[in-house]
C-alpha atoms as a PDB file:
ATOM      1  CA  ALA A   1     -22.695 -69.710   5.468  1.00  0.00           C
ATOM      2  CA  ILE A   2     -24.488 -73.028   5.628  1.00  0.00           C
ATOM      3  CA  ASN A   3     -27.927 -73.970   6.815  1.00  0.00           C
ATOM      4  CA  PRO A   4     -27.722 -75.528  10.309  1.00  0.00           C
ATOM      5  CA  PRO A   5     -29.679 -78.652  11.188  1.00  0.00           C
ATOM      6  CA  ARG A   6     -33.353 -77.844  11.809  1.00  0.00           C
ATOM      7  CA  ALA A   7     -33.144 -78.823  15.475  1.00  0.00           C
ATOM      8  CA  THR A   8     -30.687 -75.979  16.139  1.00  0.00           C
ATOM      9  CA  ILE A   9     -32.903 -73.208  14.789  1.00  0.00           C
ATOM     10  CA  LEU A  10     -35.028 -71.496  17.424  1.00  0.00           C
ATOM     11  CA  GLU A  11     -38.574 -70.593  16.555  1.00  0.00           C
ATOM     12  CA  CYS A  12     -39.558 -66.936  16.971  1.00  0.00           C
ATOM     13  CA  TRP A  13     -41.619 -67.692  20.088  1.00  0.00           C
ATOM     14  CA  GLU A  14     -38.629 -69.466  21.652  1.00  0.00           C
ATOM     15  CA  ILE A  15     -36.475 -66.372  21.186  1.00  0.00           C
ATOM     16  CA  LEU A  16     -39.252 -64.214  22.647  1.00  0.00           C
ATOM     17  CA  ALA A  17     -39.580 -66.645  25.591  1.00  0.00           C
ATOM     18  CA  LEU A  18     -35.841 -66.418  26.285  1.00  0.00           C
ATOM     19  CA  LEU A  19     -35.990 -62.622  26.252  1.00  0.00           C
ATOM     20  CA  MET A  20     -39.078 -62.514  28.470  1.00  0.00           C
ATOM     21  CA  ASN A  21     -37.543 -64.976  30.945  1.00  0.00           C
ATOM     22  CA  ILE A  22     -34.404 -62.836  31.134  1.00  0.00           C
ATOM     23  CA  CYS A  23     -36.474 -59.675  31.669  1.00  0.00           C
ATOM     24  CA  SER A  24     -38.776 -61.195  34.284  1.00  0.00           C
ATOM     25  CA  ARG A  25     -36.684 -59.607  37.070  1.00  0.00           C
ATOM     26  CA  GLY A  26     -36.701 -62.632  39.296  1.00  0.00           C
ATOM     27  CA  ASP A  27     -40.306 -63.641  38.719  1.00  0.00           C
ATOM     28  CA  GLU A  28     -40.823 -67.350  38.415  1.00  0.00           C
ATOM     29  CA  SER A  29     -41.657 -67.055  34.721  1.00  0.00           C
ATOM     30  CA  ASP A  30     -40.632 -69.965  32.551  1.00  0.00           C
ATOM     31  CA  TYR A  31     -42.429 -69.748  29.244  1.00  0.00           C
ATOM     32  CA  LEU A  32     -42.726 -73.096  27.506  1.00  0.00           C
ATOM     33  CA  SER A  33     -45.120 -72.127  24.733  1.00  0.00           C
ATOM     34  CA  PHE A  34     -46.230 -69.131  22.734  1.00  0.00           C
ATOM     35  CA  GLU A  35     -49.690 -69.475  24.264  1.00  0.00           C
ATOM     36  CA  GLN A  36     -48.212 -68.774  27.717  1.00  0.00           C
ATOM     37  CA  ILE A  37     -46.469 -65.673  26.379  1.00  0.00           C
ATOM     38  CA  TRP A  38     -49.665 -64.467  24.674  1.00  0.00           C
ATOM     39  CA  ALA A  39     -51.696 -65.015  27.862  1.00  0.00           C
ATOM     40  CA  ASP A  40     -49.284 -62.823  29.843  1.00  0.00           C
ATOM     41  CA  ILE A  41     -49.317 -60.146  27.146  1.00  0.00           C
ATOM     42  CA  ALA A  42     -53.130 -60.144  27.257  1.00  0.00           C
ATOM     43  CA  TYR A  43     -53.034 -59.945  31.055  1.00  0.00           C
ATOM     44  CA  VAL A  44     -50.797 -56.857  30.976  1.00  0.00           C
ATOM     45  CA  LEU A  45     -52.346 -55.242  27.885  1.00  0.00           C
ATOM     46  CA  PRO A  46     -56.156 -55.473  27.954  1.00  0.00           C
ATOM     47  CA  GLU A  47     -56.289 -54.637  24.223  1.00  0.00           C
ATOM     48  CA  PHE A  48     -55.108 -58.200  23.537  1.00  0.00           C
ATOM     49  CA  GLU A  49     -57.768 -59.850  25.708  1.00  0.00           C
ATOM     50  CA  GLY A  50     -60.024 -62.177  23.732  1.00  0.00           C
ATOM     51  CA  ILE A  51     -57.652 -62.274  20.753  1.00  0.00           C
ATOM     52  CA  SER A  52     -55.652 -65.349  19.868  1.00  0.00           C
ATOM     53  CA  PHE A  53     -52.496 -65.032  17.835  1.00  0.00           C
ATOM     54  CA  LYS A  54     -53.808 -67.561  15.326  1.00  0.00           C
ATOM     55  CA  SER A  55     -56.951 -65.494  14.747  1.00  0.00           C
ATOM     56  CA  ILE A  56     -55.042 -62.428  13.532  1.00  0.00           C
ATOM     57  CA  PRO A  57     -55.410 -62.141   9.747  1.00  0.00           C
ATOM     58  CA  LEU A  58     -52.365 -61.600   7.522  1.00  0.00           C
ATOM     59  CA  SER A  59     -53.587 -58.056   6.944  1.00  0.00           C
ATOM     60  CA  GLY A  60     -53.254 -57.352  10.676  1.00  0.00           C
ATOM     61  CA  LEU A  61     -55.728 -56.310  13.307  1.00  0.00           C
ATOM     62  CA  PHE A  62     -56.627 -52.946  14.809  1.00  0.00           C
ATOM     63  CA  LEU A  63     -56.538 -53.007  18.596  1.00  0.00           C
ATOM     64  CA  LYS A  64     -59.200 -51.267  20.654  1.00  0.00           C
ATOM     65  CA  LYS A  65     -58.056 -48.884  23.369  1.00  0.00           C
END
């Protein structure tokens, strides 16, 4: 195996965006950034409201129910 050029490697959020766009069941979702994905997650799961991905410490974060 060889390392491909950097431009061909998808970032984790890009893979997640592809999966979410496929699973959108015809919705007009077209995620272009991780922030858009996170906003939709927070909309569906209130436990994520008010939390930004960048603010989560390496040790993790307990979610409130």
